[in-house]
Amino acid sequence: MSTPLTLLQRLLQRGDQPSADTREYSVDELARAAGSSVRNVRAYQDRGLLPPPERRGRVGVYFDSHLKRLRLINQLLERGYSSANIKELLEAWEQGRDLDHVLGLDQAIIGEWNLETPGSIGFDELQAIFGDELNDRVIDKAQALGLLLFDGERMKIPSPRLFQAGLELYRSGIPLEALLDHLGELRSDTEHLAAGIVRLIVTHLVDGRGTDLLPGAPDLQELAKVFLRLRPLAEHVVQVELARGLKLSANEMLGERVGEMLRKLEKPS
């Protein structure tokens, strides 16, 4: 499922993966292998885009990891990214941060209406709500899902709306751990659904060349505009299909129960 973000992430990852080839390069050899110049190599080092070489006396030695990074920089420059853009992208990737904010897509994808102010809750408050169901295993699951984060003596709630929805379901009688397990499954399904929507938009409305190419900077600006315009429509489609699916599943499940009851009644006593 290729999207501009996943394609970019893959390319960034390839640029830093260790190689079995331990070939060493001088600065001239590195520049020549990458189709660049010594001046550019040194400039990228000064700007923090390229790691410094290994020093052996007065000689700097470069490796395949430097060559891959240099080729990546060249590709990004060719696609319209500035040196500052590239540095921020590389830093975000190395630190494991999401790339949508760096690429300017976060507002278009999330939308201002969906931005939440994180809340917080005391551990004693959680215990008062969930009682004996709040154990170490449940807390670990909630943390793994990003529902709760330790914040000093309190717990941070990144998404108060999601927490409140879960609380209402819990109060309706669904066990806490069952809710957490289902959320994990739901999140996986939702991410799969979202990837399909993104791929559909990118393939047909943004990148006429297909999804095998890294998007250029102008493509990302167009992508943000498309997301901003079409996100509400995509959400509406999901809501309609979810309602249809809920009705279908409820009818199937109830039908199975009724059928089982009838079969039991038909059995000779």
C-alpha atoms as a PDB file:
ATOM      1  CA  MET A   1       0.000   0.000   0.000  1.00  0.00           C
ATOM      2  CA  SER A   2       2.135   2.842  -1.264  1.00  0.00           C
ATOM      3  CA  THR A   3       1.353   6.398  -0.264  1.00  0.00           C
ATOM      4  CA  PRO A   4       3.591   9.487  -0.444  1.00  0.00           C
ATOM      5  CA  LEU A   5       4.408   9.064   3.242  1.00  0.00           C
ATOM      6  CA  THR A   6       5.215   5.359   3.079  1.00  0.00           C
ATOM      7  CA  LEU A   7       7.212   5.791  -0.104  1.00  0.00           C
ATOM      8  CA  LEU A   8       9.220   8.571   1.466  1.00  0.00           C
ATOM      9  CA  GLN A   9       9.718   6.530   4.618  1.00  0.00           C
ATOM     10  CA  ARG A  10      10.968   3.574   2.598  1.00  0.00           C
ATOM     11  CA  LEU A  11      13.424   5.741   0.714  1.00  0.00           C
ATOM     12  CA  LEU A  12      14.665   7.320   3.921  1.00  0.00           C
ATOM     13  CA  GLN A  13      15.041   3.889   5.455  1.00  0.00           C
ATOM     14  CA  ARG A  14      17.014   2.600   2.497  1.00  0.00           C
ATOM     15  CA  GLY A  15      19.344   5.539   2.827  1.00  0.00           C
ATOM     16  CA  ASP A  16      20.471   4.515   6.296  1.00  0.00           C
ATOM     17  CA  GLN A  17      20.314   0.734   6.252  1.00  0.00           C
ATOM     18  CA  PRO A  18      23.656  -0.925   6.931  1.00  0.00           C
ATOM     19  CA  SER A  19      25.217  -2.693   3.980  1.00  0.00           C
ATOM     20  CA  ALA A  20      27.310  -5.836   3.784  1.00  0.00           C
ATOM     21  CA  ASP A  21      29.606  -3.901   1.446  1.00  0.00           C
ATOM     22  CA  THR A  22      32.226  -2.250   3.652  1.00  0.00           C
ATOM     23  CA  ARG A  23      33.880  -0.316   0.873  1.00  0.00           C
ATOM     24  CA  GLU A  24      35.662   2.839   1.941  1.00  0.00           C
ATOM     25  CA  TYR A  25      35.724   6.115   0.029  1.00  0.00           C
ATOM     26  CA  SER A  26      37.769   9.251   0.012  1.00  0.00           C
ATOM     27  CA  VAL A  27      35.782  12.453  -0.316  1.00  0.00           C
ATOM     28  CA  ASP A  28      36.614  12.595  -4.045  1.00  0.00           C
ATOM     29  CA  GLU A  29      35.535   8.980  -4.572  1.00  0.00           C
ATOM     30  CA  LEU A  30      32.326   9.542  -2.624  1.00  0.00           C
ATOM     31  CA  ALA A  31      31.396  12.611  -4.648  1.00  0.00           C
ATOM     32  CA  ARG A  32      32.158  10.844  -7.923  1.00  0.00           C
ATOM     33  CA  ALA A  33      30.157   7.719  -6.975  1.00  0.00           C
ATOM     34  CA  ALA A  34      27.137   9.853  -6.082  1.00  0.00           C
ATOM     35  CA  GLY A  35      27.389  12.076  -9.141  1.00  0.00           C
ATOM     36  CA  SER A  36      28.010  15.073  -6.925  1.00  0.00           C
ATOM     37  CA  SER A  37      30.961  17.293  -6.087  1.00  0.00           C
ATOM     38  CA  VAL A  38      33.385  17.550  -3.186  1.00  0.00           C
ATOM     39  CA  ARG A  39      32.064  21.025  -2.544  1.00  0.00           C
ATOM     40  CA  ASN A  40      28.523  19.695  -2.171  1.00  0.00           C
ATOM     41  CA  VAL A  41      29.659  16.882   0.114  1.00  0.00           C
ATOM     42  CA  ARG A  42      31.327  19.338   2.459  1.00  0.00           C
ATOM     43  CA  ALA A  43      28.352  21.706   2.274  1.00  0.00           C
ATOM     44  CA  TYR A  44      25.941  18.911   3.217  1.00  0.00           C
ATOM     45  CA  GLN A  45      28.167  18.023   6.162  1.00  0.00           C
ATOM     46  CA  ASP A  46      28.216  21.642   7.328  1.00  0.00           C
ATOM     47  CA  ARG A  47      24.404  21.765   7.148  1.00  0.00           C
ATOM     48  CA  GLY A  48      24.018  18.538   9.109  1.00  0.00           C
ATOM     49  CA  LEU A  49      22.584  16.567   6.180  1.00  0.00           C
ATOM     50  CA  LEU A  50      25.518  14.183   5.856  1.00  0.00           C
ATOM     51  CA  PRO A  51      27.296  12.544   8.808  1.00  0.00           C
ATOM     52  CA  PRO A  52      30.994  13.398   9.177  1.00  0.00           C
ATOM     53  CA  PRO A  53      33.561  10.865   7.963  1.00  0.00           C
ATOM     54  CA  GLU A  54      35.597   8.607  10.193  1.00  0.00           C
ATOM     55  CA  ARG A  55      38.868  10.349  10.964  1.00  0.00           C
ATOM     56  CA  ARG A  56      42.075   8.417  10.432  1.00  0.00           C
ATOM     57  CA  GLY A  57      44.775  10.854  11.194  1.00  0.00           C
ATOM     58  CA  ARG A  58      44.274  13.718   8.791  1.00  0.00           C
ATOM     59  CA  VAL A  59      42.220  11.658   6.355  1.00  0.00           C
ATOM     60  CA  GLY A  60      38.441  11.397   6.347  1.00  0.00           C
ATOM     61  CA  VAL A  61      37.039   7.983   5.390  1.00  0.00           C
ATOM     62  CA  TYR A  62      33.484   7.565   4.083  1.00  0.00           C
ATOM     63  CA  PHE A  63      31.402   4.390   3.790  1.00  0.00           C
ATOM     64  CA  ASP A  64      28.412   3.040   1.870  1.00  0.00           C
ATOM     65  CA  SER A  65      26.058   4.614   4.409  1.00  0.00           C
ATOM     66  CA  HIS A  66      27.427   8.021   3.384  1.00  0.00           C
ATOM     67  CA  LEU A  67      26.950   7.172  -0.288  1.00  0.00           C
ATOM     68  CA  LYS A  68      23.337   6.110   0.256  1.00  0.00           C
ATOM     69  CA  ARG A  69      22.599   9.253   2.253  1.00  0.00           C
ATOM     70  CA  LEU A  70      24.216  11.428  -0.415  1.00  0.00           C
ATOM     71  CA  ARG A  71      22.180   9.798  -3.182  1.00  0.00           C
ATOM     72  CA  LEU A  72      19.036  10.292  -1.118  1.00  0.00           C
ATOM     73  CA  ILE A  73      19.836  13.988  -0.655  1.00  0.00           C
ATOM     74  CA  ASN A  74      20.341  14.373  -4.401  1.00  0.00           C
ATOM     75  CA  GLN A  75      17.002  12.700  -5.169  1.00  0.00           C
ATOM     76  CA  LEU A  76      15.145  14.908  -2.718  1.00  0.00           C
ATOM     77  CA  LEU A  77      16.794  18.045  -4.106  1.00  0.00           C
ATOM     78  CA  GLU A  78      15.799  17.003  -7.630  1.00  0.00           C
ATOM     79  CA  ARG A  79      12.192  16.698  -6.460  1.00  0.00           C
ATOM     80  CA  GLY A  80      12.062  20.246  -5.170  1.00  0.00           C
ATOM     81  CA  TYR A  81      12.901  19.829  -1.479  1.00  0.00           C
ATOM     82  CA  SER A  82      15.106  22.495   0.063  1.00  0.00           C
ATOM     83  CA  SER A  83      18.117  21.707   2.244  1.00  0.00           C
ATOM     84  CA  ALA A  84      16.105  22.773   5.294  1.00  0.00           C
ATOM     85  CA  ASN A  85      13.235  20.447   4.258  1.00  0.00           C
ATOM     86  CA  ILE A  86      15.633  17.551   3.830  1.00  0.00           C
ATOM     87  CA  LYS A  87      17.308  18.125   7.178  1.00  0.00           C
ATOM     88  CA  GLU A  88      13.953  18.198   8.949  1.00  0.00           C
ATOM     89  CA  LEU A  89      12.812  15.055   7.131  1.00  0.00           C
ATOM     90  CA  LEU A  90      15.976  13.155   8.003  1.00  0.00           C
ATOM     91  CA  GLU A  91      15.852  14.266  11.629  1.00  0.00           C
ATOM     92  CA  ALA A  92      12.196  13.273  11.908  1.00  0.00           C
ATOM     93  CA  TRP A  93      12.936   9.865  10.429  1.00  0.00           C
ATOM     94  CA  GLU A  94      15.959   9.227  12.655  1.00  0.00           C
ATOM     95  CA  GLN A  95      13.977  10.216  15.757  1.00  0.00           C
ATOM     96  CA  GLY A  96      10.990   8.083  14.788  1.00  0.00           C
ATOM     97  CA  ARG A  97       8.642  11.066  14.468  1.00  0.00           C
ATOM     98  CA  ASP A  98       5.717  11.179  12.053  1.00  0.00           C
ATOM     99  CA  LEU A  99       6.400  12.827   8.721  1.00  0.00           C
ATOM    100  CA  ASP A 100       2.978  14.364   8.060  1.00  0.00           C
ATOM    101  CA  HIS A 101       3.766  17.462  10.142  1.00  0.00           C
ATOM    102  CA  VAL A 102       7.154  17.900   8.477  1.00  0.00           C
ATOM    103  CA  LEU A 103       5.545  17.611   5.049  1.00  0.00           C
ATOM    104  CA  GLY A 104       2.756  20.030   5.914  1.00  0.00           C
ATOM    105  CA  LEU A 105       0.002  17.422   5.615  1.00  0.00           C
ATOM    106  CA  ASP A 106      -1.116  17.171   9.233  1.00  0.00           C
ATOM    107  CA  GLN A 107      -3.652  20.009   9.179  1.00  0.00           C
ATOM    108  CA  ALA A 108      -5.109  18.845   5.871  1.00  0.00           C
ATOM    109  CA  ILE A 109      -5.418  15.236   7.007  1.00  0.00           C
ATOM    110  CA  ILE A 110      -6.617  15.777  10.579  1.00  0.00           C
ATOM    111  CA  GLY A 111      -8.506  19.035  10.171  1.00  0.00           C
ATOM    112  CA  GLU A 112      -8.905  21.703  12.819  1.00  0.00           C
ATOM    113  CA  TRP A 113     -12.183  20.200  14.031  1.00  0.00           C
ATOM    114  CA  ASN A 114     -10.344  16.989  14.924  1.00  0.00           C
ATOM    115  CA  LEU A 115      -7.532  18.591  16.923  1.00  0.00           C
ATOM    116  CA  GLU A 116      -7.923  17.699  20.584  1.00  0.00           C
ATOM    117  CA  THR A 117      -6.503  19.209  23.725  1.00  0.00           C
ATOM    118  CA  PRO A 118      -5.077  16.333  25.788  1.00  0.00           C
ATOM    119  CA  GLY A 119      -6.629  15.783  29.194  1.00  0.00           C
ATOM    120  CA  SER A 120      -5.314  14.212  32.372  1.00  0.00           C
ATOM    121  CA  ILE A 121      -6.601  12.055  35.180  1.00  0.00           C
ATOM    122  CA  GLY A 122      -5.286  10.892  38.525  1.00  0.00           C
ATOM    123  CA  PHE A 123      -4.608   7.224  39.138  1.00  0.00           C
ATOM    124  CA  ASP A 124      -7.019   7.287  42.065  1.00  0.00           C
ATOM    125  CA  GLU A 125      -9.709   8.610  39.710  1.00  0.00           C
ATOM    126  CA  LEU A 126      -9.062   5.758  37.285  1.00  0.00           C
ATOM    127  CA  GLN A 127      -9.354   3.256  40.108  1.00  0.00           C
ATOM    128  CA  ALA A 128     -12.620   4.813  41.220  1.00  0.00           C
ATOM    129  CA  ILE A 129     -14.004   4.429  37.690  1.00  0.00           C
ATOM    130  CA  PHE A 130     -12.759   0.969  36.744  1.00  0.00           C
ATOM    131  CA  GLY A 131     -12.261  -0.685  40.120  1.00  0.00           C
ATOM    132  CA  ASP A 132     -10.704  -4.148  40.127  1.00  0.00           C
ATOM    133  CA  GLU A 133     -10.595  -4.264  36.318  1.00  0.00           C
ATOM    134  CA  LEU A 134      -7.764  -1.732  36.398  1.00  0.00           C
ATOM    135  CA  ASN A 135      -4.718  -3.978  36.729  1.00  0.00           C
ATOM    136  CA  ASP A 136      -1.151  -3.897  35.426  1.00  0.00           C
ATOM    137  CA  ARG A 137      -2.038  -5.812  32.255  1.00  0.00           C
ATOM    138  CA  VAL A 138      -4.850  -3.410  31.402  1.00  0.00           C
ATOM    139  CA  ILE A 139      -2.673  -0.369  32.088  1.00  0.00           C
ATOM    140  CA  ASP A 140       0.053  -1.785  29.832  1.00  0.00           C
ATOM    141  CA  LYS A 141      -2.482  -2.326  27.041  1.00  0.00           C
ATOM    142  CA  ALA A 142      -3.872   1.197  27.434  1.00  0.00           C
ATOM    143  CA  GLN A 143      -0.366   2.630  27.245  1.00  0.00           C
ATOM    144  CA  ALA A 144       0.536   0.517  24.211  1.00  0.00           C
ATOM    145  CA  LEU A 145      -2.558   1.867  22.444  1.00  0.00           C
ATOM    146  CA  GLY A 146      -1.651   5.440  23.390  1.00  0.00           C
ATOM    147  CA  LEU A 147      -4.812   5.909  25.437  1.00  0.00           C
ATOM    148  CA  LEU A 148      -2.957   6.731  28.648  1.00  0.00           C
ATOM    149  CA  LEU A 149       0.527   8.093  29.232  1.00  0.00           C
ATOM    150  CA  PHE A 150       2.298   8.557  32.532  1.00  0.00           C
ATOM    151  CA  ASP A 151       2.739  12.252  33.263  1.00  0.00           C
ATOM    152  CA  GLY A 152       4.281  12.660  36.688  1.00  0.00           C
ATOM    153  CA  GLU A 153       1.724  11.769  39.330  1.00  0.00           C
ATOM    154  CA  ARG A 154      -1.136  11.849  36.830  1.00  0.00           C
ATOM    155  CA  MET A 155      -2.035  10.055  33.613  1.00  0.00           C
ATOM    156  CA  LYS A 156      -2.196  12.016  30.376  1.00  0.00           C
ATOM    157  CA  ILE A 157      -5.167  11.328  28.082  1.00  0.00           C
ATOM    158  CA  PRO A 158      -4.076  12.169  24.490  1.00  0.00           C
ATOM    159  CA  SER A 159      -7.623  11.771  23.102  1.00  0.00           C
ATOM    160  CA  PRO A 160     -10.332  12.718  25.616  1.00  0.00           C
ATOM    161  CA  ARG A 161     -13.047  11.913  23.053  1.00  0.00           C
ATOM    162  CA  LEU A 162     -11.798   8.368  22.568  1.00  0.00           C
ATOM    163  CA  PHE A 163     -11.435   7.953  26.327  1.00  0.00           C
ATOM    164  CA  GLN A 164     -14.996   9.192  26.870  1.00  0.00           C
ATOM    165  CA  ALA A 165     -16.368   6.848  24.204  1.00  0.00           C
ATOM    166  CA  GLY A 166     -14.614   3.923  25.854  1.00  0.00           C
ATOM    167  CA  LEU A 167     -15.913   4.999  29.239  1.00  0.00           C
ATOM    168  CA  GLU A 168     -19.506   5.033  27.984  1.00  0.00           C
ATOM    169  CA  LEU A 169     -19.091   1.567  26.476  1.00  0.00           C
ATOM    170  CA  TYR A 170     -17.597   0.323  29.737  1.00  0.00           C
ATOM    171  CA  ARG A 171     -20.483   1.762  31.723  1.00  0.00           C
ATOM    172  CA  SER A 172     -22.887   0.006  29.376  1.00  0.00           C
ATOM    173  CA  GLY A 173     -21.475  -3.306  30.576  1.00  0.00           C
ATOM    174  CA  ILE A 174     -18.563  -4.194  28.275  1.00  0.00           C
ATOM    175  CA  PRO A 175     -15.458  -5.345  30.213  1.00  0.00           C
ATOM    176  CA  LEU A 176     -12.523  -2.943  30.099  1.00  0.00           C
ATOM    177  CA  GLU A 177     -10.000  -5.443  28.777  1.00  0.00           C
ATOM    178  CA  ALA A 178     -12.391  -6.568  26.034  1.00  0.00           C
ATOM    179  CA  LEU A 179     -12.740  -2.936  24.935  1.00  0.00           C
ATOM    180  CA  LEU A 180      -8.973  -2.504  24.744  1.00  0.00           C
ATOM    181  CA  ASP A 181      -8.530  -5.718  22.774  1.00  0.00           C
ATOM    182  CA  HIS A 182     -11.228  -4.695  20.304  1.00  0.00           C
ATOM    183  CA  LEU A 183      -9.732  -1.223  19.912  1.00  0.00           C
ATOM    184  CA  GLY A 184      -6.460  -2.821  18.857  1.00  0.00           C
ATOM    185  CA  GLU A 185      -8.276  -4.809  16.164  1.00  0.00           C
ATOM    186  CA  LEU A 186     -10.358  -1.796  15.147  1.00  0.00           C
ATOM    187  CA  ARG A 187      -7.275   0.381  14.806  1.00  0.00           C
ATOM    188  CA  SER A 188      -5.617  -2.132  12.508  1.00  0.00           C
ATOM    189  CA  ASP A 189      -8.735  -2.323  10.331  1.00  0.00           C
ATOM    190  CA  THR A 190      -9.081   1.463  10.293  1.00  0.00           C
ATOM    191  CA  GLU A 191      -5.467   1.969   9.257  1.00  0.00           C
ATOM    192  CA  HIS A 192      -6.009  -0.497   6.410  1.00  0.00           C
ATOM    193  CA  LEU A 193      -9.119   1.420   5.349  1.00  0.00           C
ATOM    194  CA  ALA A 194      -7.347   4.781   5.574  1.00  0.00           C
ATOM    195  CA  ALA A 195      -4.409   3.519   3.522  1.00  0.00           C
ATOM    196  CA  GLY A 196      -6.825   2.509   0.779  1.00  0.00           C
ATOM    197  CA  ILE A 197      -8.463   5.943   0.740  1.00  0.00           C
ATOM    198  CA  VAL A 198      -5.096   7.716   0.651  1.00  0.00           C
ATOM    199  CA  ARG A 199      -3.877   5.452  -2.140  1.00  0.00           C
ATOM    200  CA  LEU A 200      -7.059   6.095  -4.127  1.00  0.00           C
ATOM    201  CA  ILE A 201      -6.682   9.870  -3.820  1.00  0.00           C
ATOM    202  CA  VAL A 202      -2.968   9.931  -4.589  1.00  0.00           C
ATOM    203  CA  THR A 203      -3.139   7.531  -7.538  1.00  0.00           C
ATOM    204  CA  HIS A 204      -6.033   9.192  -9.336  1.00  0.00           C
ATOM    205  CA  LEU A 205      -6.037  12.833  -8.246  1.00  0.00           C
ATOM    206  CA  VAL A 206      -2.467  13.788  -7.395  1.00  0.00           C
ATOM    207  CA  ASP A 207       0.161  11.659  -9.042  1.00  0.00           C
ATOM    208  CA  GLY A 208      -0.748  10.748 -12.584  1.00  0.00           C
ATOM    209  CA  ARG A 209       2.569   8.950 -12.898  1.00  0.00           C
ATOM    210  CA  GLY A 210       1.533   6.273 -10.397  1.00  0.00           C
ATOM    211  CA  THR A 211       2.501   5.551  -6.809  1.00  0.00           C
ATOM    212  CA  ASP A 212       5.972   4.126  -7.407  1.00  0.00           C
ATOM    213  CA  LEU A 213       7.633   7.537  -7.463  1.00  0.00           C
ATOM    214  CA  LEU A 214       8.626   9.689  -4.544  1.00  0.00           C
ATOM    215  CA  PRO A 215       6.390  12.777  -4.581  1.00  0.00           C
ATOM    216  CA  GLY A 216       8.026  16.105  -5.211  1.00  0.00           C
ATOM    217  CA  ALA A 217       7.521  19.148  -3.012  1.00  0.00           C
ATOM    218  CA  PRO A 218       4.878  20.665  -5.371  1.00  0.00           C
ATOM    219  CA  ASP A 219       3.038  17.314  -5.343  1.00  0.00           C
ATOM    220  CA  LEU A 220       2.821  17.458  -1.553  1.00  0.00           C
ATOM    221  CA  GLN A 221       1.263  20.922  -1.685  1.00  0.00           C
ATOM    222  CA  GLU A 222      -1.332  19.631  -4.129  1.00  0.00           C
ATOM    223  CA  LEU A 223      -1.873  16.566  -1.963  1.00  0.00           C
ATOM    224  CA  ALA A 224      -2.622  18.762   1.057  1.00  0.00           C
ATOM    225  CA  LYS A 225      -5.224  20.696  -0.940  1.00  0.00           C
ATOM    226  CA  VAL A 226      -6.872  17.500  -2.144  1.00  0.00           C
ATOM    227  CA  PHE A 227      -7.019  16.035   1.359  1.00  0.00           C
ATOM    228  CA  LEU A 228      -8.489  19.239   2.734  1.00  0.00           C
ATOM    229  CA  ARG A 229     -11.241  19.159   0.124  1.00  0.00           C
ATOM    230  CA  LEU A 230     -12.024  15.445   0.115  1.00  0.00           C
ATOM    231  CA  ARG A 231     -11.487  14.404   3.734  1.00  0.00           C
ATOM    232  CA  PRO A 232     -15.082  15.256   4.806  1.00  0.00           C
ATOM    233  CA  LEU A 233     -16.432  13.245   1.855  1.00  0.00           C
ATOM    234  CA  ALA A 234     -14.281  10.251   2.771  1.00  0.00           C
ATOM    235  CA  GLU A 235     -15.475  10.454   6.374  1.00  0.00           C
ATOM    236  CA  HIS A 236     -19.094  10.556   5.200  1.00  0.00           C
ATOM    237  CA  VAL A 237     -18.594   7.453   3.053  1.00  0.00           C
ATOM    238  CA  VAL A 238     -17.040   5.624   6.010  1.00  0.00           C
ATOM    239  CA  GLN A 239     -19.947   6.599   8.280  1.00  0.00           C
ATOM    240  CA  VAL A 240     -22.524   5.385   5.746  1.00  0.00           C
ATOM    241  CA  GLU A 241     -20.705   2.099   5.185  1.00  0.00           C
ATOM    242  CA  LEU A 242     -20.205   1.589   8.915  1.00  0.00           C
ATOM    243  CA  ALA A 243     -23.939   2.035   9.503  1.00  0.00           C
ATOM    244  CA  ARG A 244     -24.663  -0.477   6.736  1.00  0.00           C
ATOM    245  CA  GLY A 245     -22.149  -2.921   8.198  1.00  0.00           C
ATOM    246  CA  LEU A 246     -23.559  -2.586  11.705  1.00  0.00           C
ATOM    247  CA  LYS A 247     -27.053  -3.340  10.452  1.00  0.00           C
ATOM    248  CA  LEU A 248     -25.844  -6.305   8.419  1.00  0.00           C
ATOM    249  CA  SER A 249     -23.787  -7.761  11.278  1.00  0.00           C
ATOM    250  CA  ALA A 250     -26.575  -7.287  13.816  1.00  0.00           C
ATOM    251  CA  ASN A 251     -29.080  -9.046  11.551  1.00  0.00           C
ATOM    252  CA  GLU A 252     -26.676 -11.916  10.878  1.00  0.00           C
ATOM    253  CA  MET A 253     -25.852 -12.410  14.536  1.00  0.00           C
ATOM    254  CA  LEU A 254     -29.474 -12.233  15.673  1.00  0.00           C
ATOM    255  CA  GLY A 255     -30.497 -14.512  12.821  1.00  0.00           C
ATOM    256  CA  GLU A 256     -27.948 -17.082  13.924  1.00  0.00           C
ATOM    257  CA  ARG A 257     -29.247 -16.924  17.498  1.00  0.00           C
ATOM    258  CA  VAL A 258     -32.875 -17.333  16.393  1.00  0.00           C
ATOM    259  CA  GLY A 259     -31.909 -20.194  14.109  1.00  0.00           C
ATOM    260  CA  GLU A 260     -30.089 -21.954  16.930  1.00  0.00           C
ATOM    261  CA  MET A 261     -33.122 -21.586  19.193  1.00  0.00           C
ATOM    262  CA  LEU A 262     -35.407 -23.040  16.502  1.00  0.00           C
ATOM    263  CA  ARG A 263     -33.082 -25.975  15.923  1.00  0.00           C
ATOM    264  CA  LYS A 264     -33.104 -26.766  19.637  1.00  0.00           C
ATOM    265  CA  LEU A 265     -36.902 -26.597  19.731  1.00  0.00           C
ATOM    266  CA  GLU A 266     -37.176 -28.940  16.751  1.00  0.00           C
ATOM    267  CA  LYS A 267     -35.054 -31.621  18.418  1.00  0.00           C
ATOM    268  CA  PRO A 268     -37.150 -34.442  19.875  1.00  0.00           C
ATOM    269  CA  SER A 269     -37.225 -34.310  23.639  1.00  0.00           C
END
